[in-house]
Amino acid sequence: MNGSESLVTTLVAQGVDVCFANPGTSEMHFLAALENPAMRSVLCLYEGVATGAADGYYRMKGTPASTLLHLGPGLANGLSNIHNAKRAGSAMVNIIGEHATHHLKYDAPLKSDIEGLARPLCHWVRRTDTAKTLAYDAYRAVTAARPGKISTLILPGDTSWGDAGEVPNFPVELPEPPAPSQERIDHIARTIKGASEPVLVILAGLATHGPAVELAGRLAAATGARIATQFFTARIERGAGRAPLERIPYFVPAALEYLAPFRHIITLETTEPIAFFSYPGSPSLLKHPDAAVHTLSETGEDSAKALEMLLDALGARQSAPILQPRIETPVPQGKLDPTSIAHALAAAMPEHCILVDESLTTGRQSMGLTAGALPHDTIQNMGGSIGYGTPVATGAAVACPDRRVFTIVGDGSAMYTIQSLWTQARESLNVTTIIFANHSYQILKSEYANMGFGAPGPQALAMIDIGDPKIDWVAMGTSMGVPSVRVETAEDFYAQMVRTVGESGPALIEVCL
């Protein structure tokens, strides 16, 4: 068994059985090792698609995927979505090919400081020394990644093709997250009991899906606490029958107004609310100056257990949770705008679908107006780096092949990683990509005004508009093997979404705005 074969064997034994790959010459031995039938290899035409897909896979599966990237430039191409994954708390194992050790001294054109590129965004970085130690390094990489971290293993060519010897049988380590201290729980229980006004509880991380959501609904019912998320959240289980979660607004004036009444804020796996950007004359911290922040669970702690302990301390474990009622949304008619688009989504989304949201402008109504839709998951961009939506949807569809994935994305954002469509077609993934085509970086027009410059002038506008030449999204999708249509009314948008639900494989809908 050579080094690459020992690497793949170890990854599979550790439960990492998907590889989103964009290989080059230095990864040919790893590519050959991917013939292992237990490893699913998915070709991505751009490294940012591979790393984004690994992010989406983890968000829905809860176990890491691997990526295969080509030397330093390949890693650099994937870093923007590694940044987003890190902010989302997603685990992944990056395998980065490298020149053979003896070749490095010649400074070949592709030589680079791979460690220097990786360390700012990766929690664990290792350059393997020999073929015989590669399996152990792979085991360490997976173990380091499992609690929502990012590992990067650099694979010199000679360690890849060298003799690995016998591969050890490493244990699969699945550590249980710790519970918070009873002292912390008792402090927060006293705070809630002593508060003269409702407290705000902000959920993030693993607290926004799974049993923690219902427990938060019990807390709201028992205490009158308001339950919310930050504006961006990695994954939320929401819709009818689930505890409703409010959303702290994105724009600073609205966020300040929302947070003004609260004097006690309780956080689970997040920090106090902060502004996404700094604006002239606006604060970075959004809570009321007199508000106190209390941490119920840190990232990496068991948020469900924390909520159980808090409910016990309050004598409220048996409280019936507040649950979102089903809202039957009529099919909208006529003009396409943020409201009619949200209504169409609410009416068309099937039960247990996955909604990947990268549509800050056109989709701004979506969260509020889809709250009563059938139960579904929503995924949002935690790191703010554009081009996350279509890759994350790709990975989510690989993780959950029996669920339809809807991606709502602006046309400017979609162009960053549009190669995702090709992978979706090649893998027959059940993804409906919805392109909001306003032919502009519309959010930047708002941000231009927020910075105090008013309406953009001709030169500034030229850097924001993308309508000349106009992108033909139907032709784009069709060229990559994805059946594509264009819609101009709300009823047609709804009908096309419903059509894709009844079919298998990918689809693209261009929404003309």
Protein backbone atom coordinates (compact mmCIF):
# COMPACT_ATOMS: atom_id res chain seq x y z
CA MET A 1 0.00 0.00 0.00
CA ASN A 2 1.43 3.38 -0.95
CA GLY A 3 1.03 6.59 1.06
CA SER A 4 -2.04 7.83 -0.78
CA GLU A 5 -3.79 4.50 -0.41
CA SER A 6 -3.05 4.51 3.32
CA LEU A 7 -4.42 8.07 3.50
CA VAL A 8 -7.71 7.22 1.78
CA THR A 9 -8.07 3.99 3.78
CA THR A 10 -7.63 5.94 7.02
CA LEU A 11 -10.04 8.71 6.01
CA VAL A 12 -12.75 6.17 5.20
CA ALA A 13 -12.14 4.25 8.43
CA GLN A 14 -12.58 7.53 10.33
CA GLY A 15 -15.92 8.24 8.61
CA VAL A 16 -14.65 10.74 6.03
CA ASP A 17 -16.02 9.08 2.90
CA VAL A 18 -16.64 12.05 0.57
CA CYS A 19 -13.92 14.03 -1.23
CA PHE A 20 -14.68 17.24 -3.15
CA ALA A 21 -11.74 17.35 -5.51
CA ASN A 22 -9.93 19.63 -7.94
CA PRO A 23 -6.71 17.66 -8.57
CA GLY A 24 -3.48 18.45 -10.40
CA THR A 25 -0.25 16.66 -11.29
CA SER A 26 1.04 16.43 -7.71
CA GLU A 27 -2.16 14.66 -6.62
CA MET A 28 -2.20 11.86 -9.19
CA HIS A 29 -1.36 9.14 -6.66
CA PHE A 30 -4.13 10.38 -4.38
CA LEU A 31 -6.42 10.40 -7.41
CA ALA A 32 -5.57 6.75 -8.08
CA ALA A 33 -6.27 5.93 -4.43
CA LEU A 34 -9.76 7.39 -4.81
CA GLU A 35 -10.63 4.21 -6.72
CA ASN A 36 -11.44 2.90 -3.23
CA PRO A 37 -15.19 2.18 -3.60
CA ALA A 38 -15.90 3.36 -0.06
CA MET A 39 -14.81 6.93 -0.92
CA ARG A 40 -17.16 9.07 -3.01
CA SER A 41 -15.15 11.54 -5.06
CA VAL A 42 -16.91 14.60 -6.48
CA LEU A 43 -15.16 16.67 -9.15
CA CYS A 44 -15.43 20.45 -8.75
CA LEU A 45 -14.22 22.80 -11.50
CA TYR A 46 -13.01 25.45 -9.04
CA GLU A 47 -11.44 25.04 -5.62
CA GLY A 48 -13.86 27.50 -4.03
CA VAL A 49 -16.66 25.15 -5.04
CA ALA A 50 -14.86 22.21 -3.40
CA THR A 51 -14.32 23.99 -0.07
CA GLY A 52 -17.83 25.48 -0.09
CA ALA A 53 -19.32 22.07 -0.82
CA ALA A 54 -17.42 20.59 2.13
CA ASP A 55 -18.94 23.36 4.28
CA GLY A 56 -22.49 22.58 3.11
CA TYR A 57 -21.92 18.86 3.56
CA TYR A 58 -20.92 19.31 7.21
CA ARG A 59 -23.76 21.69 8.00
CA MET A 60 -26.31 19.03 7.03
CA LYS A 61 -24.46 15.79 7.79
CA GLY A 62 -22.60 16.78 10.95
CA THR A 63 -19.48 14.86 9.87
CA PRO A 64 -16.55 16.27 7.87
CA ALA A 65 -15.87 15.76 4.19
CA SER A 66 -12.44 16.05 2.64
CA THR A 67 -11.22 18.27 -0.17
CA LEU A 68 -8.37 17.67 -2.60
CA LEU A 69 -6.64 20.87 -3.73
CA HIS A 70 -3.63 21.49 -5.97
CA LEU A 71 -0.65 23.03 -4.15
CA GLY A 72 -0.65 26.59 -2.77
CA PRO A 73 -2.59 28.27 -5.59
CA GLY A 74 -5.34 25.65 -5.34
CA LEU A 75 -5.61 26.26 -1.61
CA ALA A 76 -5.62 30.03 -2.21
CA ASN A 77 -8.53 29.65 -4.64
CA GLY A 78 -10.47 27.80 -1.95
CA LEU A 79 -9.71 30.11 0.97
CA SER A 80 -12.76 32.38 0.70
CA ASN A 81 -15.12 29.50 1.38
CA ILE A 82 -12.77 28.06 3.99
CA HIS A 83 -13.21 31.44 5.68
CA ASN A 84 -17.00 31.06 5.50
CA ALA A 85 -16.78 27.50 6.79
CA LYS A 86 -14.61 28.55 9.73
CA ARG A 87 -17.13 31.21 10.70
CA ALA A 88 -19.92 28.64 10.42
CA GLY A 89 -18.14 26.16 12.67
CA SER A 90 -17.96 23.60 9.87
CA ALA A 91 -15.43 20.79 9.96
CA MET A 92 -13.45 19.79 6.89
CA VAL A 93 -10.22 17.96 6.08
CA ASN A 94 -8.22 19.60 3.29
CA ILE A 95 -5.64 17.47 1.46
CA ILE A 96 -3.17 19.76 -0.32
CA GLY A 97 -0.79 18.26 -2.85
CA GLU A 98 2.84 19.41 -2.75
CA HIS A 99 5.98 18.89 -4.80
CA ALA A 100 8.10 15.90 -3.87
CA THR A 101 10.42 16.84 -1.00
CA HIS A 102 13.61 16.54 -3.06
CA HIS A 103 12.13 18.83 -5.75
CA LEU A 104 11.37 21.77 -3.46
CA LYS A 105 14.96 23.11 -3.47
CA TYR A 106 14.69 23.88 -7.19
CA ASP A 107 11.95 26.50 -6.63
CA ALA A 108 9.64 25.20 -9.37
CA PRO A 109 6.95 27.68 -10.52
CA LEU A 110 4.21 26.18 -8.35
CA LYS A 111 6.24 26.18 -5.16
CA SER A 112 4.66 28.36 -2.44
CA ASP A 113 4.34 28.72 1.30
CA ILE A 114 1.36 26.40 1.75
CA GLU A 115 1.58 26.51 5.55
CA GLY A 116 1.62 30.31 5.45
CA LEU A 117 -1.52 30.33 3.33
CA ALA A 118 -3.33 27.77 5.47
CA ARG A 119 -2.58 28.82 9.04
CA PRO A 120 -4.71 32.00 9.28
CA LEU A 121 -7.90 30.08 8.42
CA CYS A 122 -7.17 26.51 9.51
CA HIS A 123 -7.13 25.24 13.07
CA TRP A 124 -4.68 22.39 12.38
CA VAL A 125 -1.95 22.31 9.71
CA ARG A 126 0.57 19.52 9.15
CA ARG A 127 3.06 18.66 6.40
CA THR A 128 3.46 14.89 6.45
CA ASP A 129 7.05 13.60 6.67
CA THR A 130 7.02 10.08 5.24
CA ALA A 131 4.68 7.62 3.59
CA LYS A 132 4.84 5.45 6.70
CA THR A 133 3.53 8.26 8.95
CA LEU A 134 0.86 9.48 6.54
CA ALA A 135 -1.93 7.29 7.92
CA TYR A 136 -1.29 8.58 11.44
CA ASP A 137 -1.29 12.16 10.17
CA ALA A 138 -4.62 11.52 8.45
CA TYR A 139 -6.05 10.15 11.69
CA ARG A 140 -4.83 13.25 13.53
CA ALA A 141 -6.31 15.53 10.85
CA VAL A 142 -9.78 13.98 11.18
CA THR A 143 -9.62 13.97 14.97
CA ALA A 144 -8.63 17.65 14.98
CA ALA A 145 -11.45 18.53 12.57
CA ARG A 146 -14.32 16.69 14.23
CA PRO A 147 -15.45 19.32 16.74
CA GLY A 148 -16.23 21.82 13.93
CA LYS A 149 -12.66 22.71 13.02
CA ILE A 150 -10.70 22.88 9.76
CA SER A 151 -7.68 20.65 9.21
CA THR A 152 -5.15 20.92 6.40
CA LEU A 153 -2.78 18.06 5.60
CA ILE A 154 -0.01 18.84 3.09
CA LEU A 155 0.98 15.84 1.00
CA PRO A 156 4.45 15.92 -0.67
CA GLY A 157 4.57 13.72 -3.76
CA ASP A 158 7.15 11.29 -2.38
CA THR A 159 5.04 10.60 0.71
CA SER A 160 2.12 9.98 -1.60
CA TRP A 161 3.84 7.36 -3.77
CA GLY A 162 6.18 5.87 -1.13
CA ASP A 163 5.66 2.56 0.65
CA ALA A 164 3.30 3.03 3.61
CA GLY A 165 3.70 -0.40 5.14
CA GLU A 166 0.83 -1.78 7.22
CA VAL A 167 -1.90 0.73 8.10
CA PRO A 168 -2.78 0.76 11.82
CA ASN A 169 -6.37 0.46 13.00
CA PHE A 170 -6.90 3.81 14.71
CA PRO A 171 -9.83 4.35 17.09
CA VAL A 172 -12.73 6.58 16.01
CA GLU A 173 -12.88 9.34 18.60
CA LEU A 174 -16.22 11.07 19.05
CA PRO A 175 -15.85 13.19 22.17
CA GLU A 176 -19.02 14.33 23.93
CA PRO A 177 -19.35 18.11 24.26
CA PRO A 178 -19.15 19.27 27.89
CA ALA A 179 -22.07 20.81 29.73
CA PRO A 180 -21.71 24.28 31.24
CA SER A 181 -21.06 24.63 34.95
CA GLN A 182 -23.97 24.56 37.37
CA GLU A 183 -22.74 27.88 38.75
CA ARG A 184 -23.26 29.50 35.35
CA ILE A 185 -26.73 27.96 35.04
CA ASP A 186 -27.77 29.16 38.50
CA HIS A 187 -26.54 32.70 37.75
CA ILE A 188 -28.63 32.89 34.57
CA ALA A 189 -31.69 31.40 36.30
CA ARG A 190 -31.44 34.11 38.98
CA THR A 191 -31.06 36.75 36.27
CA ILE A 192 -34.22 35.60 34.49
CA LYS A 193 -36.23 35.40 37.72
CA GLY A 194 -35.07 38.84 38.81
CA ALA A 195 -35.56 40.63 35.48
CA SER A 196 -38.38 43.15 35.41
CA GLU A 197 -38.64 42.93 31.60
CA PRO A 198 -38.27 40.10 29.06
CA VAL A 199 -34.75 38.89 28.41
CA LEU A 200 -33.38 38.13 24.95
CA VAL A 201 -31.90 34.68 24.28
CA ILE A 202 -29.69 34.47 21.17
CA LEU A 203 -29.06 31.02 19.68
CA ALA A 204 -26.31 30.00 17.26
CA GLY A 205 -24.26 26.96 16.27
CA LEU A 206 -25.80 23.63 17.29
CA ALA A 207 -28.44 25.44 19.35
CA THR A 208 -30.45 26.34 16.23
CA HIS A 209 -31.21 22.78 15.16
CA GLY A 210 -31.92 19.53 16.90
CA PRO A 211 -33.39 19.27 20.42
CA ALA A 212 -32.13 22.69 21.53
CA VAL A 213 -34.75 24.48 19.39
CA GLU A 214 -37.70 22.88 21.18
CA LEU A 215 -36.05 23.46 24.55
CA ALA A 216 -35.68 27.14 23.65
CA GLY A 217 -39.40 27.17 22.86
CA ARG A 218 -40.07 25.77 26.35
CA LEU A 219 -37.91 28.51 27.87
CA ALA A 220 -39.85 31.17 25.96
CA ALA A 221 -43.17 29.73 27.09
CA ALA A 222 -42.14 29.48 30.73
CA THR A 223 -40.40 32.83 31.13
CA GLY A 224 -41.62 35.17 28.40
CA ALA A 225 -38.08 35.38 27.05
CA ARG A 226 -37.67 36.39 23.41
CA ILE A 227 -35.74 33.83 21.35
CA ALA A 228 -33.66 35.07 18.43
CA THR A 229 -30.68 34.42 16.19
CA GLN A 230 -28.03 36.71 14.81
CA PHE A 231 -28.80 37.94 11.29
CA PHE A 232 -26.67 35.12 9.82
CA THR A 233 -26.84 31.58 11.20
CA ALA A 234 -25.14 28.40 9.99
CA ARG A 235 -28.28 26.26 10.01
CA ILE A 236 -31.76 26.77 11.43
CA GLU A 237 -34.54 24.20 11.71
CA ARG A 238 -37.65 26.29 11.27
CA GLY A 239 -41.20 26.33 9.93
CA ALA A 240 -44.51 24.98 11.20
CA GLY A 241 -44.30 22.90 14.37
CA ARG A 242 -40.91 24.27 15.43
CA ALA A 243 -40.08 26.96 17.94
CA PRO A 244 -40.06 30.32 16.13
CA LEU A 245 -36.78 32.22 16.21
CA GLU A 246 -36.71 35.96 15.65
CA ARG A 247 -33.88 37.49 13.62
CA ILE A 248 -31.82 40.47 14.73
CA PRO A 249 -31.88 42.95 11.81
CA TYR A 250 -28.86 43.47 9.56
CA PHE A 251 -28.96 47.26 9.20
CA VAL A 252 -27.67 49.12 12.23
CA PRO A 253 -30.62 51.50 12.89
CA ALA A 254 -33.11 48.63 12.81
CA ALA A 255 -30.87 46.44 14.98
CA LEU A 256 -30.48 49.24 17.57
CA GLU A 257 -34.24 49.66 17.70
CA TYR A 258 -34.80 45.91 18.06
CA LEU A 259 -32.27 45.53 20.89
CA ALA A 260 -33.10 48.75 22.77
CA PRO A 261 -35.65 47.23 25.21
CA PHE A 262 -33.41 44.45 26.51
CA ARG A 263 -31.27 44.81 29.64
CA HIS A 264 -30.26 41.14 29.80
CA ILE A 265 -29.04 39.14 26.80
CA ILE A 266 -28.32 35.41 27.13
CA THR A 267 -26.15 33.81 24.46
CA LEU A 268 -25.68 30.24 23.26
CA GLU A 269 -22.64 29.59 21.05
CA THR A 270 -22.39 33.22 19.98
CA THR A 271 -21.36 36.65 21.20
CA GLU A 272 -23.29 39.83 21.78
CA PRO A 273 -24.72 41.42 18.60
CA ILE A 274 -22.26 43.52 16.62
CA ALA A 275 -22.60 45.47 13.39
CA PHE A 276 -21.52 43.60 10.27
CA PHE A 277 -19.59 46.71 9.16
CA SER A 278 -18.57 49.96 10.79
CA TYR A 279 -20.42 53.02 9.50
CA PRO A 280 -19.59 56.70 10.14
CA GLY A 281 -21.31 57.82 13.31
CA SER A 282 -22.75 54.38 14.11
CA PRO A 283 -21.78 52.05 16.97
CA SER A 284 -20.15 48.66 16.51
CA LEU A 285 -21.85 47.18 19.59
CA LEU A 286 -25.62 47.06 19.07
CA LYS A 287 -27.04 46.29 22.51
CA HIS A 288 -28.31 49.00 24.86
CA PRO A 289 -25.38 50.47 26.86
CA ASP A 290 -26.97 49.23 30.10
CA ALA A 291 -27.57 45.69 28.82
CA ALA A 292 -25.62 42.83 30.41
CA VAL A 293 -24.58 39.77 28.37
CA HIS A 294 -24.66 36.32 30.01
CA THR A 295 -23.12 33.26 28.34
CA LEU A 296 -25.25 30.14 28.74
CA SER A 297 -23.13 27.91 26.48
CA GLU A 298 -19.82 28.50 24.75
CA THR A 299 -19.03 27.18 21.27
CA GLY A 300 -18.16 23.52 21.72
CA GLU A 301 -20.38 23.07 24.77
CA ASP A 302 -23.64 21.11 24.82
CA SER A 303 -26.32 23.75 24.25
CA ALA A 304 -29.21 21.30 24.53
CA LYS A 305 -27.93 20.15 27.91
CA ALA A 306 -27.44 23.79 28.94
CA LEU A 307 -31.08 24.57 28.15
CA GLU A 308 -32.24 21.44 29.99
CA MET A 309 -30.24 22.49 33.05
CA LEU A 310 -31.65 26.01 32.89
CA LEU A 311 -35.22 24.75 32.59
CA ASP A 312 -34.64 22.50 35.60
CA ALA A 313 -33.23 25.43 37.59
CA LEU A 314 -36.35 27.41 36.71
CA GLY A 315 -38.70 24.49 37.45
CA ALA A 316 -39.93 24.70 33.86
CA ARG A 317 -38.82 21.45 32.18
CA GLN A 318 -42.44 20.36 31.61
CA SER A 319 -43.57 23.63 30.01
CA ALA A 320 -45.19 23.18 26.63
CA PRO A 321 -43.02 24.90 24.00
CA ILE A 322 -44.15 27.81 21.90
CA LEU A 323 -44.42 26.42 18.36
CA GLN A 324 -44.87 28.13 15.02
CA PRO A 325 -48.35 27.49 13.54
CA ARG A 326 -48.69 26.50 9.90
CA ILE A 327 -49.51 29.47 7.66
CA GLU A 328 -51.08 28.53 4.33
CA THR A 329 -49.69 31.15 1.98
CA PRO A 330 -51.76 31.80 -1.16
CA VAL A 331 -49.95 31.61 -4.48
CA PRO A 332 -48.89 35.21 -5.27
CA GLN A 333 -49.86 36.85 -8.53
CA GLY A 334 -48.33 39.51 -10.71
CA LYS A 335 -45.17 41.49 -10.13
CA LEU A 336 -42.00 39.92 -8.80
CA ASP A 337 -40.69 41.81 -5.77
CA PRO A 338 -39.21 40.78 -2.40
CA THR A 339 -42.66 40.20 -0.88
CA SER A 340 -44.17 38.18 -3.73
CA ILE A 341 -40.93 36.17 -4.02
CA ALA A 342 -41.08 35.30 -0.31
CA HIS A 343 -44.76 34.33 -0.61
CA ALA A 344 -43.96 32.08 -3.56
CA LEU A 345 -41.20 30.40 -1.58
CA ALA A 346 -43.50 29.88 1.40
CA ALA A 347 -46.17 28.31 -0.80
CA ALA A 348 -43.86 26.12 -2.90
CA MET A 349 -41.26 24.76 -0.49
CA PRO A 350 -41.92 21.09 0.29
CA GLU A 351 -41.55 19.57 3.73
CA HIS A 352 -37.96 19.06 4.89
CA CYS A 353 -36.39 20.98 2.02
CA ILE A 354 -33.17 22.93 2.53
CA LEU A 355 -33.09 26.67 1.74
CA VAL A 356 -29.61 28.08 1.12
CA ASP A 357 -29.80 31.86 1.30
CA GLU A 358 -27.35 34.25 -0.39
CA SER A 359 -29.78 37.00 -1.32
CA LEU A 360 -29.39 39.88 1.08
CA THR A 361 -31.27 42.39 -1.11
CA THR A 362 -34.07 40.55 -2.94
CA GLY A 363 -34.42 37.89 -0.25
CA ARG A 364 -34.68 40.32 2.64
CA GLN A 365 -38.35 39.39 3.21
CA SER A 366 -37.79 35.65 2.96
CA MET A 367 -37.11 34.79 6.60
CA GLY A 368 -40.11 36.62 8.02
CA LEU A 369 -42.60 35.52 5.39
CA THR A 370 -41.55 31.86 5.30
CA ALA A 371 -41.76 31.35 9.07
CA GLY A 372 -45.04 29.42 8.76
CA ALA A 373 -44.01 27.31 5.79
CA LEU A 374 -43.69 23.54 6.06
CA PRO A 375 -40.75 22.43 8.25
CA HIS A 376 -37.44 23.11 6.53
CA ASP A 377 -33.80 24.04 7.17
CA THR A 378 -32.28 27.41 6.31
CA ILE A 379 -28.54 27.88 5.74
CA GLN A 380 -26.95 31.34 5.69
CA ASN A 381 -23.55 32.88 4.97
CA MET A 382 -21.63 33.18 8.23
CA GLY A 383 -18.40 34.68 6.89
CA GLY A 384 -19.73 37.23 4.42
CA SER A 385 -17.42 36.15 1.58
CA ILE A 386 -19.45 36.21 -1.63
CA GLY A 387 -19.89 33.05 -3.67
CA TYR A 388 -20.82 30.67 -0.88
CA GLY A 389 -24.41 29.82 -1.90
CA THR A 390 -24.16 27.48 -4.88
CA PRO A 391 -21.18 25.49 -3.49
CA VAL A 392 -22.82 25.06 -0.07
CA ALA A 393 -26.01 23.90 -1.78
CA THR A 394 -23.96 21.37 -3.71
CA GLY A 395 -22.51 19.89 -0.53
CA ALA A 396 -25.87 19.93 1.25
CA ALA A 397 -27.41 17.97 -1.63
CA VAL A 398 -24.62 15.38 -1.46
CA ALA A 399 -25.22 15.06 2.29
CA CYS A 400 -29.04 14.81 1.94
CA PRO A 401 -29.83 13.21 -1.44
CA ASP A 402 -33.49 12.66 -0.50
CA ARG A 403 -34.17 16.35 0.15
CA ARG A 404 -34.70 19.14 -2.39
CA VAL A 405 -32.29 22.05 -1.95
CA PHE A 406 -33.33 25.56 -2.99
CA THR A 407 -30.57 28.13 -3.43
CA ILE A 408 -31.64 31.78 -3.56
CA VAL A 409 -28.76 33.90 -4.77
CA GLY A 410 -28.19 37.28 -6.38
CA ASP A 411 -26.74 37.33 -9.88
CA GLY A 412 -23.57 39.09 -8.74
CA SER A 413 -22.90 36.51 -6.03
CA ALA A 414 -23.71 33.60 -8.33
CA MET A 415 -20.98 34.55 -10.80
CA TYR A 416 -18.26 33.91 -8.21
CA THR A 417 -18.77 30.15 -8.12
CA ILE A 418 -21.12 29.37 -10.99
CA GLN A 419 -19.05 26.25 -11.76
CA SER A 420 -21.18 24.60 -9.04
CA LEU A 421 -23.90 24.06 -11.65
CA TRP A 422 -21.66 21.70 -13.61
CA THR A 423 -21.00 19.55 -10.56
CA GLN A 424 -24.72 19.50 -9.72
CA ALA A 425 -25.49 18.25 -13.23
CA ARG A 426 -22.68 15.68 -13.23
CA GLU A 427 -23.80 14.26 -9.86
CA SER A 428 -27.56 14.58 -10.60
CA LEU A 429 -28.06 16.56 -7.40
CA ASN A 430 -31.54 17.74 -6.39
CA VAL A 431 -30.74 21.46 -6.32
CA THR A 432 -32.97 24.25 -7.61
CA THR A 433 -30.80 27.35 -8.14
CA ILE A 434 -32.87 30.55 -8.11
CA ILE A 435 -31.02 33.53 -9.59
CA PHE A 436 -32.37 36.97 -8.70
CA ALA A 437 -31.32 38.84 -11.84
CA ASN A 438 -31.33 42.57 -11.13
CA HIS A 439 -28.06 42.95 -13.09
CA SER A 440 -26.43 44.83 -10.24
CA TYR A 441 -24.53 44.45 -7.00
CA GLN A 442 -27.68 45.90 -5.46
CA ILE A 443 -26.56 45.60 -1.83
CA LEU A 444 -23.59 47.87 -2.60
CA LYS A 445 -25.93 50.65 -3.66
CA SER A 446 -27.46 50.54 -0.19
CA GLU A 447 -24.05 50.35 1.46
CA TYR A 448 -22.85 53.32 -0.62
CA ALA A 449 -25.70 55.37 0.84
CA ASN A 450 -25.11 53.98 4.35
CA MET A 451 -21.54 55.27 4.19
CA GLY A 452 -22.91 58.76 3.61
CA PHE A 453 -22.32 59.18 -0.14
CA GLY A 454 -25.95 59.26 -1.30
CA ALA A 455 -26.64 57.95 -4.80
CA PRO A 456 -23.61 56.65 -6.72
CA GLY A 457 -22.25 58.80 -9.54
CA PRO A 458 -21.50 57.46 -13.03
CA GLN A 459 -18.06 56.08 -12.22
CA ALA A 460 -19.13 54.49 -8.93
CA LEU A 461 -22.26 53.10 -10.59
CA ALA A 462 -20.14 51.49 -13.29
CA MET A 463 -18.39 49.48 -10.56
CA ILE A 464 -21.72 48.23 -9.17
CA ASP A 465 -23.90 47.53 -12.23
CA ILE A 466 -23.32 44.22 -14.05
CA GLY A 467 -25.94 44.61 -16.79
CA ASP A 468 -23.61 45.55 -19.66
CA PRO A 469 -23.19 43.00 -21.08
CA LYS A 470 -26.24 41.28 -19.62
CA ILE A 471 -25.68 37.74 -18.35
CA ASP A 472 -27.97 35.15 -19.94
CA TRP A 473 -28.65 32.81 -17.01
CA VAL A 474 -30.76 30.38 -18.98
CA ALA A 475 -27.93 29.93 -21.48
CA MET A 476 -25.43 29.70 -18.62
CA GLY A 477 -27.31 26.93 -16.84
CA THR A 478 -28.10 25.04 -20.03
CA SER A 479 -24.45 25.11 -21.08
CA MET A 480 -23.54 23.28 -17.85
CA GLY A 481 -26.22 20.63 -18.23
CA VAL A 482 -28.79 22.18 -15.91
CA PRO A 483 -32.36 22.60 -17.27
CA SER A 484 -33.02 26.33 -17.00
CA VAL A 485 -36.01 28.67 -17.35
CA ARG A 486 -36.70 32.38 -17.00
CA VAL A 487 -39.75 33.74 -15.12
CA GLU A 488 -41.23 37.23 -15.05
CA THR A 489 -44.29 36.84 -12.79
CA ALA A 490 -44.83 35.58 -9.27
CA GLU A 491 -47.23 32.84 -10.36
CA ASP A 492 -44.75 31.54 -12.92
CA PHE A 493 -42.01 31.55 -10.29
CA TYR A 494 -44.18 29.48 -7.96
CA ALA A 495 -45.13 27.06 -10.74
CA GLN A 496 -41.52 26.48 -11.77
CA MET A 497 -40.47 25.81 -8.18
CA VAL A 498 -43.24 23.25 -7.79
CA ARG A 499 -42.21 21.64 -11.08
CA THR A 500 -38.64 21.14 -9.90
CA VAL A 501 -39.85 19.56 -6.66
CA GLY A 502 -41.58 16.86 -8.68
CA GLU A 503 -38.49 16.10 -10.77
CA SER A 504 -35.05 14.75 -9.96
CA GLY A 505 -31.74 16.41 -10.65
CA PRO A 506 -30.75 20.08 -10.78
CA ALA A 507 -32.68 23.03 -12.19
CA LEU A 508 -32.14 26.77 -12.59
CA ILE A 509 -34.77 29.50 -12.42
CA GLU A 510 -33.83 33.02 -13.49
CA VAL A 511 -36.09 35.52 -11.72
CA CYS A 512 -36.24 38.70 -13.82
CA LEU A 513 -36.32 41.84 -11.69
